[in-house]
Amino acid sequence: MGDVSSKGPVGVQITRAQRNAVADRIIQLERSFYGRGPSSVKVSVSQDEPVSLVVLSIDSLTAADSVLSDRGYREAVLRHHEALHEATRADFIGAVEDVVEARVHAYLAQVHPTTGHAVRVFIFADLGDSLELDNLPAG
């Protein structure tokens, strides 16, 4: 059987091989930025408009995050990850754009401070739409 792909109305076609490559890149980036990678990563694609790619990282909390969460400082874990997501957004967007060969219109990321489930959502744009990286502050 050939490579199964998802094709949405904006012409973005994401193959199974690309989903696997995205998972590998997310694991590499999380290891690089967080000092450890998740225990596993699941990638799914929505074929509906807008075309979106959802990456679920399982067990993505660091040892320090787990200590904070276990001792009631869940808001600190959320703030820590919000700052990391903002500081590394260009890296994650760039990695996905390189693999998928399409521009990301919007990027959202969040972590659950107790379970360690982290989700990253990449929404793809039509040509001419504003792009996520175009809106980043210089720095």
C-alpha atoms as a PDB file:
ATOM      1  CA  MET A   1       0.000   0.000   0.000  1.00  0.00           C
ATOM      2  CA  GLY A   2       1.314   3.479  -0.875  1.00  0.00           C
ATOM      3  CA  ASP A   3       1.901   6.410   1.420  1.00  0.00           C
ATOM      4  CA  VAL A   4      -1.399   7.543   2.953  1.00  0.00           C
ATOM      5  CA  SER A   5      -1.822  11.301   2.921  1.00  0.00           C
ATOM      6  CA  SER A   6      -4.195  13.969   4.132  1.00  0.00           C
ATOM      7  CA  LYS A   7      -5.126  16.699   1.692  1.00  0.00           C
ATOM      8  CA  GLY A   8      -7.141  19.685   2.740  1.00  0.00           C
ATOM      9  CA  PRO A   9      -8.790  22.511   0.863  1.00  0.00           C
ATOM     10  CA  VAL A  10      -5.711  24.766   0.960  1.00  0.00           C
ATOM     11  CA  GLY A  11      -3.694  22.171  -0.956  1.00  0.00           C
ATOM     12  CA  VAL A  12      -1.628  21.041   2.018  1.00  0.00           C
ATOM     13  CA  GLN A  13      -0.891  17.353   1.701  1.00  0.00           C
ATOM     14  CA  ILE A  14       0.633  15.667   4.757  1.00  0.00           C
ATOM     15  CA  THR A  15       1.805  12.092   4.285  1.00  0.00           C
ATOM     16  CA  ARG A  16       2.295   9.408   6.914  1.00  0.00           C
ATOM     17  CA  ALA A  17       6.063   9.736   6.397  1.00  0.00           C
ATOM     18  CA  GLN A  18       5.806  13.474   7.089  1.00  0.00           C
ATOM     19  CA  ARG A  19       3.776  12.854  10.257  1.00  0.00           C
ATOM     20  CA  ASN A  20       6.499  10.455  11.436  1.00  0.00           C
ATOM     21  CA  ALA A  21       9.193  13.011  10.565  1.00  0.00           C
ATOM     22  CA  VAL A  22       7.303  15.714  12.493  1.00  0.00           C
ATOM     23  CA  ALA A  23       7.174  13.410  15.542  1.00  0.00           C
ATOM     24  CA  ASP A  24      10.929  12.832  15.312  1.00  0.00           C
ATOM     25  CA  ARG A  25      11.641  16.572  15.006  1.00  0.00           C
ATOM     26  CA  ILE A  26       9.400  17.424  17.977  1.00  0.00           C
ATOM     27  CA  ILE A  27      11.185  14.813  20.114  1.00  0.00           C
ATOM     28  CA  GLN A  28      14.581  16.221  19.074  1.00  0.00           C
ATOM     29  CA  LEU A  29      13.555  19.793  19.853  1.00  0.00           C
ATOM     30  CA  GLU A  30      12.026  18.909  23.223  1.00  0.00           C
ATOM     31  CA  ARG A  31      15.198  16.997  24.174  1.00  0.00           C
ATOM     32  CA  SER A  32      17.312  19.943  23.106  1.00  0.00           C
ATOM     33  CA  PHE A  33      15.268  22.633  24.887  1.00  0.00           C
ATOM     34  CA  TYR A  34      13.926  20.741  27.924  1.00  0.00           C
ATOM     35  CA  GLY A  35      16.790  18.359  28.677  1.00  0.00           C
ATOM     36  CA  ARG A  36      14.583  15.330  28.010  1.00  0.00           C
ATOM     37  CA  GLY A  37      12.077  14.231  25.438  1.00  0.00           C
ATOM     38  CA  PRO A  38       8.560  12.932  25.870  1.00  0.00           C
ATOM     39  CA  SER A  39       7.997   9.192  26.296  1.00  0.00           C
ATOM     40  CA  SER A  40       6.070   9.225  23.013  1.00  0.00           C
ATOM     41  CA  VAL A  41       4.586  11.578  20.449  1.00  0.00           C
ATOM     42  CA  LYS A  42       1.370  11.178  18.471  1.00  0.00           C
ATOM     43  CA  VAL A  43       0.679  13.250  15.353  1.00  0.00           C
ATOM     44  CA  SER A  44      -2.733  13.629  13.737  1.00  0.00           C
ATOM     45  CA  VAL A  45      -3.987  15.673  10.813  1.00  0.00           C
ATOM     46  CA  SER A  46      -7.371  17.300  10.268  1.00  0.00           C
ATOM     47  CA  GLN A  47      -8.509  17.238   6.656  1.00  0.00           C
ATOM     48  CA  ASP A  48     -11.175  19.853   7.303  1.00  0.00           C
ATOM     49  CA  GLU A  49     -10.654  23.542   6.657  1.00  0.00           C
ATOM     50  CA  PRO A  50      -8.488  24.899   8.101  1.00  0.00           C
ATOM     51  CA  VAL A  51      -5.951  22.118   7.673  1.00  0.00           C
ATOM     52  CA  SER A  52      -4.296  21.444  11.018  1.00  0.00           C
ATOM     53  CA  LEU A  53      -1.641  19.157  12.418  1.00  0.00           C
ATOM     54  CA  VAL A  54      -1.868  18.240  16.109  1.00  0.00           C
ATOM     55  CA  VAL A  55       1.148  16.924  18.001  1.00  0.00           C
ATOM     56  CA  LEU A  56       0.546  15.287  21.383  1.00  0.00           C
ATOM     57  CA  SER A  57       3.634  14.730  23.546  1.00  0.00           C
ATOM     58  CA  ILE A  58       3.143  12.182  26.323  1.00  0.00           C
ATOM     59  CA  ASP A  59       5.016  12.609  29.620  1.00  0.00           C
ATOM     60  CA  SER A  60       6.739  15.859  28.742  1.00  0.00           C
ATOM     61  CA  LEU A  61       7.288  17.335  32.216  1.00  0.00           C
ATOM     62  CA  THR A  62      10.825  17.759  33.488  1.00  0.00           C
ATOM     63  CA  ALA A  63      11.802  16.534  36.954  1.00  0.00           C
ATOM     64  CA  ALA A  64      11.571  20.135  38.226  1.00  0.00           C
ATOM     65  CA  ASP A  65       8.078  20.517  36.685  1.00  0.00           C
ATOM     66  CA  SER A  66       6.951  17.318  38.423  1.00  0.00           C
ATOM     67  CA  VAL A  67       8.230  18.521  41.803  1.00  0.00           C
ATOM     68  CA  LEU A  68       6.435  21.853  41.390  1.00  0.00           C
ATOM     69  CA  SER A  69       3.211  20.162  40.296  1.00  0.00           C
ATOM     70  CA  ASP A  70       3.328  17.558  43.076  1.00  0.00           C
ATOM     71  CA  ARG A  71       3.770  20.305  45.678  1.00  0.00           C
ATOM     72  CA  GLY A  72       0.883  22.434  44.473  1.00  0.00           C
ATOM     73  CA  TYR A  73       2.693  24.904  42.198  1.00  0.00           C
ATOM     74  CA  ARG A  74       0.816  24.004  38.998  1.00  0.00           C
ATOM     75  CA  GLU A  75       0.561  27.651  37.931  1.00  0.00           C
ATOM     76  CA  ALA A  76       4.359  27.868  38.044  1.00  0.00           C
ATOM     77  CA  VAL A  77       4.567  24.869  35.695  1.00  0.00           C
ATOM     78  CA  LEU A  78       2.105  26.528  33.320  1.00  0.00           C
ATOM     79  CA  ARG A  79       4.010  29.847  33.377  1.00  0.00           C
ATOM     80  CA  HIS A  80       7.316  28.026  32.822  1.00  0.00           C
ATOM     81  CA  HIS A  81       5.957  26.191  29.785  1.00  0.00           C
ATOM     82  CA  GLU A  82       4.203  29.268  28.405  1.00  0.00           C
ATOM     83  CA  ALA A  83       7.562  31.064  28.445  1.00  0.00           C
ATOM     84  CA  LEU A  84       9.306  28.079  26.816  1.00  0.00           C
ATOM     85  CA  HIS A  85       6.605  27.810  24.147  1.00  0.00           C
ATOM     86  CA  GLU A  86       6.956  31.497  23.333  1.00  0.00           C
ATOM     87  CA  ALA A  87      10.768  31.415  23.303  1.00  0.00           C
ATOM     88  CA  THR A  88      10.918  28.318  21.060  1.00  0.00           C
ATOM     89  CA  ARG A  89       7.896  28.856  18.793  1.00  0.00           C
ATOM     90  CA  ALA A  90      10.004  29.798  15.754  1.00  0.00           C
ATOM     91  CA  ASP A  91      12.025  26.578  16.154  1.00  0.00           C
ATOM     92  CA  PHE A  92       8.938  24.343  16.299  1.00  0.00           C
ATOM     93  CA  ILE A  93       7.178  26.197  13.467  1.00  0.00           C
ATOM     94  CA  GLY A  94      10.303  26.075  11.321  1.00  0.00           C
ATOM     95  CA  ALA A  95      10.745  22.342  11.905  1.00  0.00           C
ATOM     96  CA  VAL A  96       7.147  21.594  10.897  1.00  0.00           C
ATOM     97  CA  GLU A  97       7.286  23.904   7.880  1.00  0.00           C
ATOM     98  CA  ASP A  98      10.505  22.191   6.728  1.00  0.00           C
ATOM     99  CA  VAL A  99       8.913  18.748   6.929  1.00  0.00           C
ATOM    100  CA  VAL A 100       5.450  19.591   5.584  1.00  0.00           C
ATOM    101  CA  GLU A 101       6.697  22.139   3.015  1.00  0.00           C
ATOM    102  CA  ALA A 102       3.823  24.501   3.804  1.00  0.00           C
ATOM    103  CA  ARG A 103       3.565  27.718   5.786  1.00  0.00           C
ATOM    104  CA  VAL A 104       2.025  27.743   9.256  1.00  0.00           C
ATOM    105  CA  HIS A 105      -0.746  30.304   9.698  1.00  0.00           C
ATOM    106  CA  ALA A 106      -1.162  29.847  13.463  1.00  0.00           C
ATOM    107  CA  TYR A 107       0.580  27.913  16.245  1.00  0.00           C
ATOM    108  CA  LEU A 108      -0.806  27.066  19.666  1.00  0.00           C
ATOM    109  CA  ALA A 109       0.907  25.141  22.472  1.00  0.00           C
ATOM    110  CA  GLN A 110      -0.043  24.102  25.992  1.00  0.00           C
ATOM    111  CA  VAL A 111       0.933  21.557  28.642  1.00  0.00           C
ATOM    112  CA  HIS A 112      -1.157  19.935  31.356  1.00  0.00           C
ATOM    113  CA  PRO A 113       0.729  20.611  34.627  1.00  0.00           C
ATOM    114  CA  THR A 114      -0.243  17.307  36.244  1.00  0.00           C
ATOM    115  CA  THR A 115      -0.351  14.686  33.476  1.00  0.00           C
ATOM    116  CA  GLY A 116       2.495  16.116  31.414  1.00  0.00           C
ATOM    117  CA  HIS A 117       0.494  15.878  28.201  1.00  0.00           C
ATOM    118  CA  ALA A 118       1.612  18.655  25.880  1.00  0.00           C
ATOM    119  CA  VAL A 119      -0.212  19.648  22.722  1.00  0.00           C
ATOM    120  CA  ARG A 120       1.019  21.698  19.783  1.00  0.00           C
ATOM    121  CA  VAL A 121      -1.394  22.700  17.042  1.00  0.00           C
ATOM    122  CA  PHE A 122      -0.145  23.918  13.664  1.00  0.00           C
ATOM    123  CA  ILE A 123      -2.752  25.505  11.374  1.00  0.00           C
ATOM    124  CA  PHE A 124      -1.815  25.937   7.719  1.00  0.00           C
ATOM    125  CA  ALA A 125      -2.540  29.015   5.612  1.00  0.00           C
ATOM    126  CA  ASP A 126      -3.682  29.788   2.117  1.00  0.00           C
ATOM    127  CA  LEU A 127      -1.256  31.875   0.090  1.00  0.00           C
ATOM    128  CA  GLY A 128      -1.677  35.523   0.997  1.00  0.00           C
ATOM    129  CA  ASP A 129      -2.826  34.874   4.563  1.00  0.00           C
ATOM    130  CA  SER A 130      -0.794  36.349   7.401  1.00  0.00           C
ATOM    131  CA  LEU A 131       1.778  33.902   8.701  1.00  0.00           C
ATOM    132  CA  GLU A 132       2.702  33.096  12.295  1.00  0.00           C
ATOM    133  CA  LEU A 133       6.435  33.802  11.961  1.00  0.00           C
ATOM    134  CA  ASP A 134       5.773  37.120  10.225  1.00  0.00           C
ATOM    135  CA  ASN A 135       4.080  38.304  13.430  1.00  0.00           C
ATOM    136  CA  LEU A 136       6.914  37.441  15.827  1.00  0.00           C
ATOM    137  CA  PRO A 137       8.659  40.345  17.532  1.00  0.00           C
ATOM    138  CA  ALA A 138      12.265  40.860  16.474  1.00  0.00           C
ATOM    139  CA  GLY A 139      14.699  39.507  18.968  1.00  0.00           C
END
